[in-house]
Protein backbone atom coordinates (compact mmCIF):
# COMPACT_ATOMS: atom_id res chain seq x y z
CA PRO A 1 26.01 10.33 2.82
CA GLY A 2 28.64 9.21 5.28
CA GLY A 3 29.40 12.77 6.32
CA LYS A 4 30.70 13.17 9.84
CA LEU A 5 29.15 15.41 12.44
CA VAL A 6 31.07 16.80 15.39
CA PHE A 7 29.76 16.58 18.97
CA SER A 8 31.24 19.13 21.34
CA HIS A 9 30.69 20.48 24.82
CA ALA A 10 28.24 23.36 24.61
CA PRO A 11 29.96 26.51 25.87
CA ALA A 12 28.51 27.95 29.07
CA VAL A 13 25.98 25.11 29.38
CA PRO A 14 27.28 22.56 31.92
CA GLY A 15 26.38 18.96 31.20
CA SER A 16 25.27 19.59 27.63
CA TYR A 17 26.66 18.85 24.22
CA GLY A 18 26.48 20.56 20.91
CA LEU A 19 26.31 19.31 17.37
CA GLN A 20 27.90 21.00 14.40
CA GLY A 21 29.45 20.03 11.11
CA MET A 22 28.94 19.74 7.39
CA TYR A 23 26.57 17.22 5.85
CA GLY A 24 25.43 16.45 2.33
CA ASN A 25 21.80 17.30 3.10
CA GLY A 26 22.26 21.01 3.65
CA PHE A 27 23.62 21.00 7.22
CA THR A 28 26.36 23.53 6.45
CA GLY A 29 27.21 26.08 9.06
CA ARG A 30 24.20 25.36 11.26
CA GLN A 31 24.74 24.78 14.95
CA VAL A 32 22.18 23.19 17.25
CA TRP A 33 22.62 22.66 20.99
CA LEU A 34 21.11 19.43 22.26
CA TYR A 35 20.99 18.96 26.01
CA ARG A 36 22.03 15.92 28.07
CA TRP A 37 21.48 13.46 25.23
CA ALA A 38 25.02 12.87 24.06
CA TYR A 39 25.15 9.13 24.71
CA GLU A 40 21.89 8.04 23.08
CA PRO A 41 22.33 7.42 19.35
CA SER A 42 18.59 7.08 18.74
CA THR A 43 17.96 10.51 20.27
CA TRP A 44 20.63 12.13 18.12
CA ALA A 45 19.03 10.53 15.07
CA ASP A 46 15.51 11.64 16.04
CA LEU A 47 16.67 15.21 16.58
CA LEU A 48 18.44 15.23 13.23
CA ARG A 49 15.31 14.00 11.51
CA LYS A 50 13.40 16.85 13.12
CA HIS A 51 15.93 19.27 11.66
CA GLY A 52 15.39 18.04 8.15
CA PHE A 53 17.58 14.99 7.59
CA ILE A 54 16.21 12.03 5.68
CA ASP A 55 16.54 8.43 6.84
CA ILE A 56 19.32 8.79 9.37
CA HIS A 57 21.18 5.74 10.65
CA ALA A 58 23.24 6.50 13.75
CA ARG A 59 25.83 4.97 15.99
CA ILE A 60 28.08 6.49 18.63
CA GLU A 61 31.73 5.58 18.33
CA PRO A 62 34.18 5.60 21.27
CA ALA A 63 35.20 9.11 22.17
CA PRO A 64 38.86 9.99 21.76
CA SER A 65 40.88 11.28 24.65
CA PRO A 66 40.84 15.05 25.31
CA THR A 67 44.37 15.29 24.02
CA THR A 68 43.10 14.58 20.51
CA SER A 69 40.72 17.50 20.49
CA GLU A 70 40.76 19.49 17.32
CA HIS A 71 41.00 22.91 18.87
CA SER A 72 40.24 24.87 21.98
CA SER A 73 38.81 28.27 22.64
CA SER A 74 38.35 30.56 25.57
CA LYS A 75 35.15 32.15 26.81
CA PRO A 76 35.02 35.63 28.28
CA GLY A 77 36.43 35.61 31.76
CA GLY A 78 39.31 33.28 30.94
CA ILE A 79 37.41 29.98 31.35
CA SER A 80 38.81 27.47 28.88
CA THR A 81 36.42 25.30 26.87
CA VAL A 82 37.68 22.24 24.98
CA THR A 83 35.91 21.44 21.74
CA GLY A 84 36.73 18.15 20.02
CA VAL A 85 35.30 15.12 18.35
CA LEU A 86 33.42 13.14 21.00
CA GLY A 87 32.30 10.52 18.53
CA GLY A 88 29.49 9.94 16.12
CA VAL A 89 28.88 9.06 12.51
CA PHE A 90 25.53 9.64 10.78
CA GLU A 91 25.02 8.01 7.43
CA ASN A 92 22.27 8.15 4.87
CA THR A 93 20.23 4.94 5.05
CA ALA A 94 20.62 4.39 1.31
CA THR A 95 24.40 4.12 1.78
CA VAL A 96 24.02 1.76 4.73
CA ALA A 97 21.43 -0.33 2.87
CA ALA A 98 23.71 -0.77 -0.14
CA ARG A 99 26.59 -1.88 2.07
CA THR A 100 24.48 -4.25 4.20
CA ARG A 101 22.79 -5.83 1.19
CA HIS A 102 26.21 -6.56 -0.25
CA ALA A 103 27.17 -8.15 3.07
CA GLY A 104 23.95 -10.17 3.24
CA VAL A 105 22.64 -8.25 6.29
CA ALA A 106 19.18 -6.74 6.51
CA ALA A 107 19.29 -2.97 6.12
CA PRO A 108 17.88 -0.81 8.91
CA ARG A 109 14.30 0.25 8.36
CA ALA A 110 13.96 3.83 7.11
CA ARG A 111 12.01 6.08 9.41
CA ARG A 112 10.02 9.17 8.68
CA ALA A 113 12.26 12.15 8.19
CA VAL A 114 10.86 15.23 9.80
CA SER A 115 8.33 13.96 12.26
CA ASP A 116 6.05 11.07 13.07
CA LEU A 117 3.07 13.34 12.37
CA SER A 118 0.09 11.07 11.79
CA TYR A 119 -2.88 11.72 9.52
CA LEU A 120 -5.16 11.90 12.56
CA GLU A 121 -2.96 14.58 14.11
CA ALA A 122 -2.82 16.46 10.81
CA ILE A 123 -6.60 16.44 10.28
CA VAL A 124 -7.42 17.38 13.88
CA VAL A 125 -4.83 20.16 13.98
CA GLY A 126 -5.87 21.37 10.51
CA ALA A 127 -9.54 21.64 11.42
CA PHE A 128 -8.66 23.25 14.74
CA GLN A 129 -6.40 25.78 13.03
CA GLY A 130 -8.98 26.70 10.40
CA VAL A 131 -11.68 27.32 13.00
CA SER A 132 -9.59 28.95 15.72
CA GLU A 133 -7.79 31.24 13.27
CA LEU A 134 -11.06 33.08 12.63
CA PHE A 135 -12.81 32.58 15.96
CA PRO A 136 -11.38 35.13 18.42
CA VAL A 137 -9.68 32.43 20.53
CA SER A 138 -6.12 32.27 19.06
CA SER A 139 -5.16 29.47 16.69
CA LEU A 140 -1.48 29.63 17.67
CA GLY A 141 -2.35 29.43 21.37
CA HIS A 142 -4.42 26.30 20.77
CA SER A 143 -1.71 24.83 18.53
CA VAL A 144 0.65 25.10 21.52
CA LEU A 145 -1.76 24.11 24.30
CA VAL A 146 -3.71 21.20 22.81
CA PRO A 147 -0.65 18.97 22.12
CA ALA A 148 0.75 19.77 25.57
CA LEU A 149 -2.54 18.86 27.25
CA VAL A 150 -2.97 15.65 25.24
CA GLY A 151 0.64 14.70 25.98
CA GLY A 152 2.49 11.66 24.68
CA ARG A 153 3.50 11.69 21.05
CA TRP A 154 1.34 14.77 20.44
CA ALA A 155 3.50 16.82 22.79
CA ARG A 156 6.64 15.36 21.19
CA ASP A 157 5.65 15.74 17.55
CA LEU A 158 3.74 19.03 17.72
CA ASP A 159 6.17 21.56 19.18
CA VAL A 160 6.22 25.04 17.62
CA SER A 161 8.98 26.40 19.89
CA ALA A 162 11.74 24.17 18.48
CA PRO A 163 14.19 25.90 16.13
CA GLU A 164 13.34 25.14 12.49
CA SER A 165 10.21 23.42 13.77
CA PRO A 166 8.60 21.20 11.12
CA TYR A 167 5.34 21.45 13.06
CA LEU A 168 5.47 25.24 12.73
CA ALA A 169 6.03 24.88 8.98
CA PHE A 170 3.01 22.56 8.91
CA ILE A 171 0.87 24.96 10.96
CA VAL A 172 1.79 28.03 8.94
CA GLY A 173 1.40 26.04 5.73
CA LEU A 174 -2.21 25.43 6.76
CA HIS A 175 -2.67 29.19 6.65
CA VAL A 176 -2.72 29.00 2.85
CA ALA A 177 -5.84 26.85 3.09
CA THR A 178 -7.38 29.24 5.65
CA ALA A 179 -6.65 32.24 3.42
CA ALA A 180 -8.13 30.36 0.45
CA ALA A 181 -11.36 29.85 2.41
CA LEU A 182 -11.50 33.59 3.16
CA LEU A 183 -10.89 34.43 -0.49
CA VAL A 184 -13.67 32.08 -1.58
CA PHE A 185 -16.15 33.46 0.96
CA PHE A 186 -15.32 37.14 0.25
CA TRP A 187 -14.63 36.71 -3.48
CA ARG A 188 -16.99 39.51 -4.50
CA ASP A 189 -15.37 41.89 -2.02
CA TRP A 190 -11.87 41.02 -3.22
CA LEU A 191 -12.87 41.56 -6.86
CA ARG A 192 -14.05 45.06 -5.91
CA ILE A 193 -10.95 45.70 -3.80
CA ILE A 194 -8.48 44.54 -6.47
CA SER A 195 -10.37 46.47 -9.14
CA GLY A 196 -10.27 49.55 -6.93
CA LEU A 197 -6.52 49.19 -6.35
CA ILE A 198 -5.84 48.84 -10.07
CA SER A 199 -7.94 51.91 -10.92
CA SER A 200 -6.33 53.87 -8.08
CA VAL A 201 -2.82 53.13 -9.33
CA ARG A 202 -3.78 53.65 -12.96
CA TYR A 203 -5.47 57.01 -12.48
CA ARG A 204 -3.41 58.05 -9.42
CA ARG A 205 -6.43 58.75 -7.26
CA ILE A 206 -8.31 57.53 -4.20
CA HIS A 207 -11.86 58.39 -5.07
CA SER A 208 -14.28 55.45 -4.96
CA SER A 209 -15.07 53.33 -1.90
CA SER A 210 -13.30 50.34 -3.46
CA GLU A 211 -10.15 52.38 -4.03
CA ARG A 212 -10.20 53.70 -0.50
CA LEU A 213 -10.84 50.28 1.06
CA ALA A 214 -7.95 48.79 -0.93
CA TRP A 215 -5.50 51.33 0.50
CA LEU A 216 -6.95 50.94 3.99
CA LEU A 217 -6.17 47.22 3.83
CA ILE A 218 -2.67 47.77 2.44
CA ILE A 219 -1.73 50.39 5.04
CA GLY A 220 -3.32 48.35 7.82
CA THR A 221 -1.29 45.29 6.83
CA VAL A 222 2.16 46.94 6.69
CA PRO A 223 2.79 47.20 10.50
CA VAL A 224 2.04 43.53 11.24
CA GLY A 225 3.97 42.41 8.16
CA LEU A 226 7.13 44.19 9.26
CA SER A 227 6.70 43.10 12.89
CA GLY A 228 6.18 39.50 11.85
CA LEU A 229 9.40 39.44 9.86
CA LEU A 230 11.36 40.98 12.76
CA LEU A 231 9.76 39.39 15.83
CA GLU A 232 8.03 36.13 14.89
CA HIS A 233 11.03 33.88 15.52
CA LEU A 234 11.88 35.58 18.83
CA PHE A 235 8.32 35.40 20.15
CA ARG A 236 7.81 31.81 19.01
CA THR A 237 11.02 30.35 20.42
CA THR A 238 10.82 32.23 23.73
CA LEU A 239 7.05 32.35 24.31
CA GLY A 240 5.69 29.52 22.14
CA ARG A 241 5.46 27.17 25.10
CA PRO A 242 2.38 25.86 26.93
CA ILE A 243 2.51 27.97 30.11
CA PRO A 244 3.07 31.35 28.37
CA ALA A 245 0.38 30.40 25.83
CA ALA A 246 -2.10 29.70 28.64
CA VAL A 247 -1.28 33.04 30.28
CA PHE A 248 -1.73 34.92 26.99
CA LEU A 249 -5.00 33.11 26.33
CA ILE A 250 -6.28 34.39 29.68
CA GLY A 251 -5.08 37.84 28.64
CA ASN A 252 -6.97 37.45 25.35
CA GLY A 253 -10.17 36.79 27.29
CA VAL A 254 -9.56 39.91 29.37
CA VAL A 255 -9.00 42.01 26.23
CA LEU A 256 -12.20 40.74 24.59
CA GLN A 257 -14.34 41.41 27.66
CA LEU A 258 -12.69 44.76 28.31
CA GLY A 259 -13.41 45.77 24.72
CA GLU A 260 -17.07 44.87 25.12
CA TRP A 261 -17.29 46.77 28.39
CA LEU A 262 -15.69 49.91 26.93
CA ARG A 263 -17.92 49.64 23.86
CA ARG A 264 -21.10 49.47 25.94
CA ARG A 265 -19.89 52.36 28.09
CA ALA A 266 -19.25 54.48 24.98
CA GLU A 267 -22.69 53.67 23.59
CA ALA A 268 -24.33 54.52 26.91
CA THR A 269 -22.73 57.97 26.95
CA ALA A 270 -23.27 58.66 23.23
CA SER A 271 -26.29 60.62 22.09
CA SER A 272 -27.08 58.04 19.39
CA PRO A 273 -25.61 54.58 19.74
CA VAL A 274 -24.31 52.85 16.65
CA PRO A 275 -27.00 50.48 15.39
CA ALA A 276 -26.19 46.85 14.77
CA THR A 277 -26.03 45.88 11.11
CA THR A 278 -28.24 43.05 9.98
CA GLY A 279 -28.47 41.25 6.69
CA ALA A 280 -31.29 42.17 4.36
CA GLU A 281 -33.76 39.64 3.14
CA GLY A 282 -34.55 38.66 -0.40
CA PRO A 283 -32.71 37.80 -3.63
CA GLY A 284 -29.35 39.48 -4.08
CA SER A 285 -29.30 40.69 -0.49
CA ALA A 286 -25.93 39.12 0.34
CA GLN A 287 -24.17 40.91 -2.53
CA GLU A 288 -25.88 44.21 -1.75
CA ALA A 289 -25.18 43.91 1.98
CA GLY A 290 -21.52 43.15 1.27
CA ALA A 291 -21.14 46.17 -0.99
CA ALA A 292 -22.87 48.38 1.59
CA ALA A 293 -20.61 47.07 4.38
CA ASP A 294 -17.50 47.72 2.27
CA ALA A 295 -18.72 51.25 1.59
CA ARG A 296 -19.14 51.85 5.35
CA LEU A 297 -15.63 50.52 6.05
CA ALA A 298 -14.19 52.72 3.30
CA ARG A 299 -15.39 55.82 5.16
CA MET A 300 -12.81 55.18 7.90
CA SER A 301 -9.79 57.47 7.95
CA LEU A 302 -6.42 56.01 6.98
CA GLY A 303 -5.18 56.63 10.51
CA ARG A 304 -8.03 54.66 12.03
CA GLY A 305 -7.49 51.79 9.59
CA THR A 306 -3.78 51.74 10.39
CA LEU A 307 -4.50 51.65 14.12
CA ILE A 308 -6.93 48.73 13.75
CA GLY A 309 -4.52 46.86 11.49
CA SER A 310 -1.63 47.42 13.88
CA ALA A 311 -3.54 45.57 16.59
CA GLN A 312 -2.67 42.37 14.69
CA ILE A 313 0.90 42.69 15.99
CA LEU A 314 -0.34 41.42 19.37
CA ALA A 315 -1.36 38.16 17.67
CA LEU A 316 2.34 37.27 17.33
CA LEU A 317 2.02 36.29 20.99
CA PRO A 318 0.69 32.71 21.27
CA GLY A 319 -2.71 32.96 22.94
CA ILE A 320 -3.67 36.39 21.57
CA SER A 321 -6.24 36.19 18.79
CA ARG A 322 -5.70 38.14 15.57
CA SER A 323 -9.40 38.46 14.82
CA GLY A 324 -10.17 39.20 18.48
CA VAL A 325 -7.77 42.11 18.94
CA THR A 326 -8.62 43.67 15.58
CA MET A 327 -12.33 43.41 16.37
CA VAL A 328 -11.78 45.05 19.74
CA ALA A 329 -9.76 47.83 18.07
CA GLY A 330 -12.57 48.30 15.55
CA LEU A 331 -15.23 48.39 18.26
CA LEU A 332 -13.28 51.00 20.18
CA ARG A 333 -13.02 53.10 17.01
CA GLY A 334 -16.81 53.08 16.57
CA LEU A 335 -17.45 50.14 14.25
CA PRO A 336 -20.46 47.88 14.93
CA HIS A 337 -19.70 44.22 15.59
CA ALA A 338 -20.56 42.98 12.08
CA ASP A 339 -18.39 45.59 10.37
CA ALA A 340 -15.54 45.09 12.85
CA ALA A 341 -15.61 41.35 12.14
CA ARG A 342 -15.74 41.92 8.39
CA PHE A 343 -12.79 44.33 8.45
CA SER A 344 -10.89 41.90 10.66
CA PHE A 345 -11.38 39.05 8.17
CA LEU A 346 -10.41 41.23 5.20
CA LEU A 347 -7.29 42.44 7.03
CA ALA A 348 -6.34 38.91 8.01
CA THR A 349 -6.51 37.48 4.49
CA PRO A 350 -3.26 38.94 3.04
CA VAL A 351 -1.41 38.42 6.34
CA ILE A 352 -2.45 34.77 6.67
CA LEU A 353 -1.76 34.12 2.98
CA ALA A 354 1.69 35.71 3.16
CA ALA A 355 2.61 33.79 6.33
CA GLY A 356 1.63 30.54 4.67
CA ALA A 357 3.37 31.35 1.39
CA LEU A 358 6.64 32.07 3.21
CA LYS A 359 6.58 28.57 4.72
CA ILE A 360 5.74 26.71 1.51
CA PRO A 361 9.45 26.45 0.54
CA ASP A 362 10.11 24.80 3.94
CA LEU A 363 7.40 22.22 3.28
CA ILE A 364 8.77 21.55 -0.21
CA GLY A 365 12.28 21.18 1.24
CA PRO A 366 13.68 18.92 3.97
CA LEU A 367 11.26 20.05 6.68
CA GLY A 368 8.39 18.67 4.64
CA ALA A 369 9.94 15.30 3.91
CA GLY A 370 7.64 12.50 5.02
CA ILE A 371 4.64 14.69 5.90
CA ARG A 372 3.43 16.13 2.59
CA GLY A 373 0.44 13.80 2.53
CA GLN A 374 -0.41 14.87 6.06
CA VAL A 375 -0.06 18.53 5.03
CA LEU A 376 -2.57 17.99 2.23
CA ALA A 377 -5.03 16.27 4.57
CA GLY A 378 -4.60 18.99 7.19
CA SER A 379 -5.03 21.72 4.57
CA ILE A 380 -8.34 20.28 3.38
CA ALA A 381 -9.56 20.12 6.98
CA SER A 382 -8.33 23.67 7.57
CA PHE A 383 -10.14 24.98 4.45
CA VAL A 384 -13.44 23.38 5.45
CA GLY A 385 -13.12 24.53 9.06
CA ALA A 386 -12.23 28.11 8.08
CA TYR A 387 -15.05 28.39 5.53
CA LEU A 388 -17.67 27.15 7.99
CA ALA A 389 -16.23 29.41 10.69
CA VAL A 390 -16.33 32.63 8.62
CA ARG A 391 -19.83 31.80 7.37
CA PHE A 392 -21.03 31.32 10.94
CA LEU A 393 -19.24 34.34 12.40
CA THR A 394 -20.39 36.88 9.81
CA ARG A 395 -23.97 36.02 10.78
CA TYR A 396 -23.25 35.64 14.49
CA PHE A 397 -21.83 39.15 14.90
CA GLU A 398 -24.85 40.76 13.27
CA THR A 399 -26.66 40.39 16.60
CA ARG A 400 -24.17 39.07 19.17
CA THR A 401 -20.99 40.06 20.97
CA LEU A 402 -17.51 38.83 21.92
CA THR A 403 -18.50 37.95 25.48
CA PRO A 404 -18.93 34.14 25.01
CA PHE A 405 -15.46 33.95 23.47
CA ALA A 406 -14.02 36.00 26.32
CA VAL A 407 -15.54 33.60 28.85
CA TYR A 408 -14.19 30.59 26.93
CA CYS A 409 -10.66 32.00 26.80
CA LEU A 410 -10.70 32.81 30.51
CA LEU A 411 -11.96 29.35 31.48
CA PHE A 412 -9.84 27.30 29.09
CA GLY A 413 -6.73 29.39 29.70
CA THR A 414 -7.09 29.17 33.47
CA ALA A 415 -7.82 25.43 33.42
CA SER A 416 -4.85 24.81 31.10
CA LEU A 417 -2.53 26.87 33.29
CA LEU A 418 -3.55 25.03 36.46
CA TRP A 419 -3.17 21.64 34.75
CA LEU A 420 0.27 22.50 33.37
CA LEU A 421 1.51 23.86 36.68
CA ALA A 422 0.24 20.76 38.50
CA HIS A 423 1.95 18.41 36.05
């Protein structure tokens, strides 16, 4: 409380100002460049709230003359850049309130810390995320495009491309609820898979279908896990914007339709096309069909499973669907639609769960201040949406194809791109 922050000219960015300093709420050593907003105290305060500060009260003090600058530095090429205190004190509202109460003045009203994320926004985004994460239409692409198309406070509050974005922490936190829905729906499969992994490690063998499927999922998850740790931040901050997301969503539609076309071409030239799998009728059929589907998936080679799992790397691009690209990879490797969808959902579960778990500390910390109730509401909506989506899709792909989703991505992506370019 009462800690000072230093405003300085941003090097190599004419007309912009930077913010750096040490603050009691964890702002040690972090540097954030904020553009063309140096003389608006409310904007500084709003940006600080977005970066995790709680109840900021701001005022801009008169800037000292350049001769009082603290130090100077030189950029490559010999261009001198002066860095000094341009003014500004940010104080914790509790400190200000105590002082103003003592003086008989009303304290400034505390504002929400991280974001003005409303419960309506949280529930809509949560339901959208749960459904679009499993439908082959890209949840991240929609999380970028929908706020931009709605505009207003949605575009301001729901921005995944901002550094240390609280909205991103919220979105990825919803993944825990999505993964929970997948675990609940496929609970019998995961009991077999975990049992198979334990027996494989215990007896040092890969013999049964459960043991083999467990290692297929582990090996298929490694490439996207490593890529996510290395590339997620780069892709999100550089490409997590509306226009690139619209372009990638169009590309997702092309990939889905191209996969269907190549699949039909392969079946036409094959001597015996792969039959579609359908659910059996009668008591116990769901459990038996699930076990039979897992046994079919377990017959894949480790190389084929790794190739299909690696396709998830493309889903780091906003607009490319994780389930869509893995299904296309499975179709091209000979899997029928139902089995490709099933393997896609099983592959996605540990990835989605891990992505969400990594962001839970952010939601517990400063980035989650003021929105934890909204996170809970969004998570419930995400769980319900994901459960209904996976229940629908496992039946849908027994007899149908990716073509409707390809058409949707092409139409929505193109319409979004034209709207964004026109506005």
